[in-house]
Protein backbone atom coordinates (compact mmCIF):
# COMPACT_ATOMS: atom_id res chain seq x y z
CA MET A 1 46.83 -25.08 46.70
CA VAL A 2 46.16 -27.27 43.68
CA SER A 3 47.81 -26.16 40.45
CA TYR A 4 45.15 -26.50 37.79
CA ASP A 5 47.62 -25.71 35.00
CA ALA A 6 49.60 -28.89 35.68
CA GLN A 7 46.69 -31.27 35.95
CA PRO A 8 45.07 -31.85 32.54
CA THR A 9 47.88 -33.45 30.55
CA GLN A 10 49.27 -35.25 33.59
CA GLN A 11 46.01 -36.82 34.69
CA ALA A 12 44.97 -37.78 31.15
CA ASP A 13 48.32 -39.16 29.98
CA ASN A 14 48.06 -42.79 28.82
CA SER A 15 51.01 -42.38 26.46
CA PHE A 16 52.55 -45.59 27.80
CA ILE A 17 50.02 -48.00 26.31
CA ILE A 18 49.76 -46.04 23.04
CA LEU A 19 53.53 -46.19 22.60
CA VAL A 20 53.55 -49.92 23.34
CA PHE A 21 50.83 -50.65 20.78
CA SER A 22 52.39 -48.39 18.13
CA LEU A 23 55.87 -49.91 18.39
CA ALA A 24 54.59 -53.48 18.79
CA GLY A 25 52.48 -53.23 15.64
CA TRP A 26 55.32 -51.64 13.71
CA ALA A 27 57.76 -54.36 14.81
CA LEU A 28 55.37 -57.16 13.87
CA LEU A 29 54.74 -55.69 10.44
CA GLU A 30 58.45 -55.20 9.83
CA ALA A 31 59.16 -58.77 10.92
CA TRP A 32 56.55 -60.04 8.47
CA ALA A 33 58.03 -57.91 5.66
CA ILE A 34 61.49 -59.30 6.35
CA ILE A 35 60.25 -62.90 6.45
CA VAL A 36 58.43 -62.64 3.10
CA GLY A 37 61.35 -60.76 1.53
CA ALA A 38 59.48 -57.53 0.85
CA SER A 39 61.13 -54.69 -1.06
CA TRP A 40 62.39 -51.44 0.43
CA TYR A 41 59.20 -49.78 -0.81
CA ALA A 42 57.12 -52.03 1.45
CA HIS A 43 59.34 -51.17 4.42
CA ALA A 44 58.85 -47.48 3.66
CA LEU A 45 55.08 -47.94 3.55
CA ASN A 46 55.21 -49.79 6.87
CA ALA A 47 57.21 -46.98 8.42
CA LEU A 48 54.65 -44.32 7.47
CA PRO A 49 51.79 -45.31 9.81
CA GLY A 50 54.20 -46.74 12.36
CA SER A 51 56.16 -43.52 12.72
CA ILE A 52 53.02 -41.35 12.77
CA LEU A 53 51.44 -43.38 15.57
CA THR A 54 54.71 -43.43 17.51
CA VAL A 55 55.09 -39.65 17.32
CA LEU A 56 51.47 -39.15 18.37
CA ALA A 57 52.03 -41.53 21.28
CA LEU A 58 54.90 -39.51 22.75
CA PRO A 59 53.94 -37.69 25.95
CA ARG A 60 53.64 -33.92 25.90
CA THR A 61 55.76 -33.58 29.03
CA ALA A 62 59.09 -35.25 29.60
CA ALA A 63 58.65 -38.52 31.43
CA GLY A 64 60.80 -39.25 34.44
CA THR A 65 61.88 -35.65 34.95
CA PRO A 66 62.11 -34.20 38.44
CA GLY A 67 59.05 -32.43 39.79
CA LYS A 68 58.69 -28.73 40.35
CA ALA A 69 60.84 -27.04 42.91
CA GLY A 70 59.41 -27.36 46.37
CA GLU A 71 57.44 -30.54 45.65
CA ALA A 72 57.88 -33.27 48.21
CA LYS A 73 59.27 -36.54 46.94
CA PRO A 74 57.90 -39.80 48.33
CA ALA A 75 60.30 -41.84 50.42
CA SER A 76 61.90 -44.87 48.82
CA ARG A 77 60.09 -48.11 49.63
CA GLY A 78 62.90 -50.43 48.68
CA LEU A 79 64.09 -52.18 45.55
CA ALA A 80 61.53 -54.99 45.73
CA TRP A 81 58.63 -52.51 45.84
CA ALA A 82 60.11 -50.54 42.92
CA LEU A 83 60.49 -53.69 40.81
CA LEU A 84 56.90 -54.81 41.37
CA PRO A 85 55.34 -52.64 38.60
CA VAL A 86 58.19 -53.59 36.26
CA LEU A 87 57.47 -57.28 36.82
CA PHE A 88 53.74 -56.70 36.32
CA LEU A 89 54.27 -54.94 32.98
CA PHE A 90 56.69 -57.64 31.82
CA LEU A 91 54.19 -60.40 32.66
CA LEU A 92 51.38 -58.44 31.00
CA GLY A 93 53.42 -58.17 27.82
CA ALA A 94 54.29 -61.87 28.02
CA LEU A 95 50.59 -62.74 28.30
CA LEU A 96 49.88 -60.76 25.13
CA GLY A 97 52.75 -62.54 23.40
CA ILE A 98 51.48 -65.98 24.43
CA LEU A 99 47.95 -65.22 23.23
CA PHE A 100 49.42 -64.01 19.94
CA LEU A 101 51.43 -67.21 19.51
CA THR A 102 48.46 -69.48 20.18
CA GLY A 103 46.49 -67.77 17.43
CA ALA A 104 43.71 -66.80 19.83
CA LEU A 105 43.25 -63.48 18.09
CA VAL A 106 39.85 -62.86 19.66
CA LEU A 107 41.24 -63.11 23.20
CA PHE A 108 44.36 -61.26 22.07
CA GLY A 109 42.29 -58.42 20.66
CA LEU A 110 39.97 -58.30 23.67
CA LEU A 111 42.88 -58.03 26.09
CA ALA A 112 44.53 -55.33 23.98
CA ALA A 113 41.23 -53.43 23.77
CA CYS A 114 40.75 -53.64 27.54
CA LEU A 115 44.24 -52.21 28.05
CA CYS A 116 43.17 -49.13 26.05
CA PHE A 117 40.70 -48.25 28.78
CA ALA A 118 42.81 -49.24 31.79
CA PRO A 119 43.46 -46.34 34.23
CA TRP A 120 47.12 -45.90 33.27
CA PRO A 121 47.12 -42.15 34.07
CA ARG A 122 46.29 -42.97 37.69
CA LEU A 123 49.41 -45.14 38.03
CA ALA A 124 52.35 -42.89 38.84
CA PHE A 125 54.92 -45.38 37.51
CA THR A 126 53.44 -45.66 34.01
CA ARG A 127 52.66 -41.94 33.93
CA ASP A 128 56.12 -40.74 34.98
CA HIS A 129 58.30 -43.40 33.31
CA VAL A 130 56.69 -43.85 29.91
CA PHE A 131 59.75 -45.10 28.04
CA LEU A 132 60.93 -47.50 30.75
CA CYS A 133 57.45 -49.00 31.08
CA SER A 134 57.09 -49.30 27.31
CA ALA A 135 60.44 -51.08 26.99
CA THR A 136 59.51 -53.47 29.80
CA ALA A 137 56.13 -54.39 28.31
CA LEU A 138 57.62 -54.78 24.82
CA SER A 139 60.37 -57.05 26.20
CA GLY A 140 57.75 -59.29 27.77
CA LEU A 141 55.71 -59.29 24.57
CA PHE A 142 58.49 -60.26 22.19
CA LEU A 143 60.32 -62.74 24.44
CA PRO A 144 57.88 -65.65 23.83
CA ILE A 145 57.60 -64.69 20.17
CA ALA A 146 61.38 -64.79 19.77
CA LEU A 147 61.64 -68.13 21.58
CA ALA A 148 58.96 -69.73 19.38
CA TYR A 149 59.97 -67.90 16.19
CA PRO A 150 60.59 -70.95 13.93
CA ASP A 151 57.08 -72.30 14.59
CA VAL A 152 55.14 -69.03 14.36
CA ASN A 153 52.48 -68.76 11.65
CA VAL A 154 53.72 -65.99 9.36
CA MET A 155 50.23 -64.59 8.75
CA LEU A 156 49.83 -63.85 12.45
CA PHE A 157 52.30 -60.98 12.16
CA PRO A 158 50.20 -58.60 9.99
CA LEU A 159 47.02 -59.56 11.86
CA GLY A 160 48.66 -58.79 15.19
CA CYS A 161 49.97 -55.53 13.77
CA TRP A 162 46.51 -54.32 12.81
CA VAL A 163 45.09 -55.31 16.19
CA PHE A 164 47.77 -53.25 17.91
CA TRP A 165 47.38 -50.26 15.60
CA ILE A 166 43.59 -50.21 15.87
CA CYS A 167 43.92 -50.31 19.66
CA ALA A 168 46.53 -47.54 19.50
CA CYS A 169 44.10 -45.36 17.55
CA CYS A 170 41.36 -46.09 20.10
CA ALA A 171 43.72 -45.21 22.95
CA LEU A 172 44.62 -41.95 21.20
CA LEU A 173 40.93 -41.05 21.01
CA VAL A 174 40.49 -41.93 24.68
CA ARG A 175 43.47 -39.73 25.61
CA ALA A 176 42.16 -36.80 23.56
CA ASP A 177 38.74 -37.10 25.19
CA LYS A 178 40.20 -37.30 28.71
CA ARG A 179 42.47 -34.32 28.10
CA ARG A 180 39.58 -32.25 26.80
CA ARG A 181 37.49 -33.11 29.85
CA ALA A 182 40.40 -32.46 32.22
CA GLU A 183 41.04 -29.07 30.64
CA ARG A 184 37.37 -28.17 31.03
CA ARG A 185 37.46 -29.16 34.71
CA ALA A 186 40.67 -27.18 35.21
CA LYS A 187 39.15 -24.11 33.55
CA ALA A 188 36.05 -24.45 35.72
CA GLY A 189 38.28 -24.72 38.80
CA ARG A 190 40.22 -21.59 37.87
CA ASP A 191 36.96 -19.73 37.29
CA ASP A 192 35.71 -20.80 40.74
CA VAL A 193 38.94 -19.62 42.37
CA ALA A 194 38.72 -16.29 40.53
CA THR A 195 35.11 -15.67 41.57
CA GLN A 196 35.67 -16.47 45.26
CA PRO A 197 37.39 -13.14 46.16
CA ALA A 198 34.69 -11.15 44.35
CA ALA A 199 31.97 -13.06 46.17
CA ALA A 200 33.72 -12.49 49.52
CA LYS A 201 33.97 -8.72 48.93
CA SER A 202 30.31 -8.45 48.02
């Protein structure tokens, strides 16, 4: 039997991409503040929205924890199969980093916006391993930026930060909407299950 209580937050959890955008924007803004020699007050101001978005991005349930007792675990498909989503997320982050470096902010913003609406909750790897996936995508994002650091236009950092944070806010709204819809469907399912015995008796 399907457990409706466990479905809403699990099926509507896109915490991975929200966490990536929140931390990426925060890191870019901090890097810009360090480069321009900003005061500690500026760093504190940067930390305020960055920390709020990061906390909001955290999943409600612990990622990567074992399932409920009695749940069947899928058989291992080998190391190469397990590394495939990791490689995909790393390359996706690297693509974002390359677009950022080229100054193609329109393409950069469009790709980031599209990622807000990607079906991350349907992918078990990104849903169950939020922190590992976030670290992988962030590594791919900042690797090309770190390699090309001396030649990077300083003003790209705050612009990239705001692109990431706006997308993080959009992804938060998408998650809230999906969770609300999932909870409504779960409630409707529980009501249907509760009315079935009464209908059978009548």
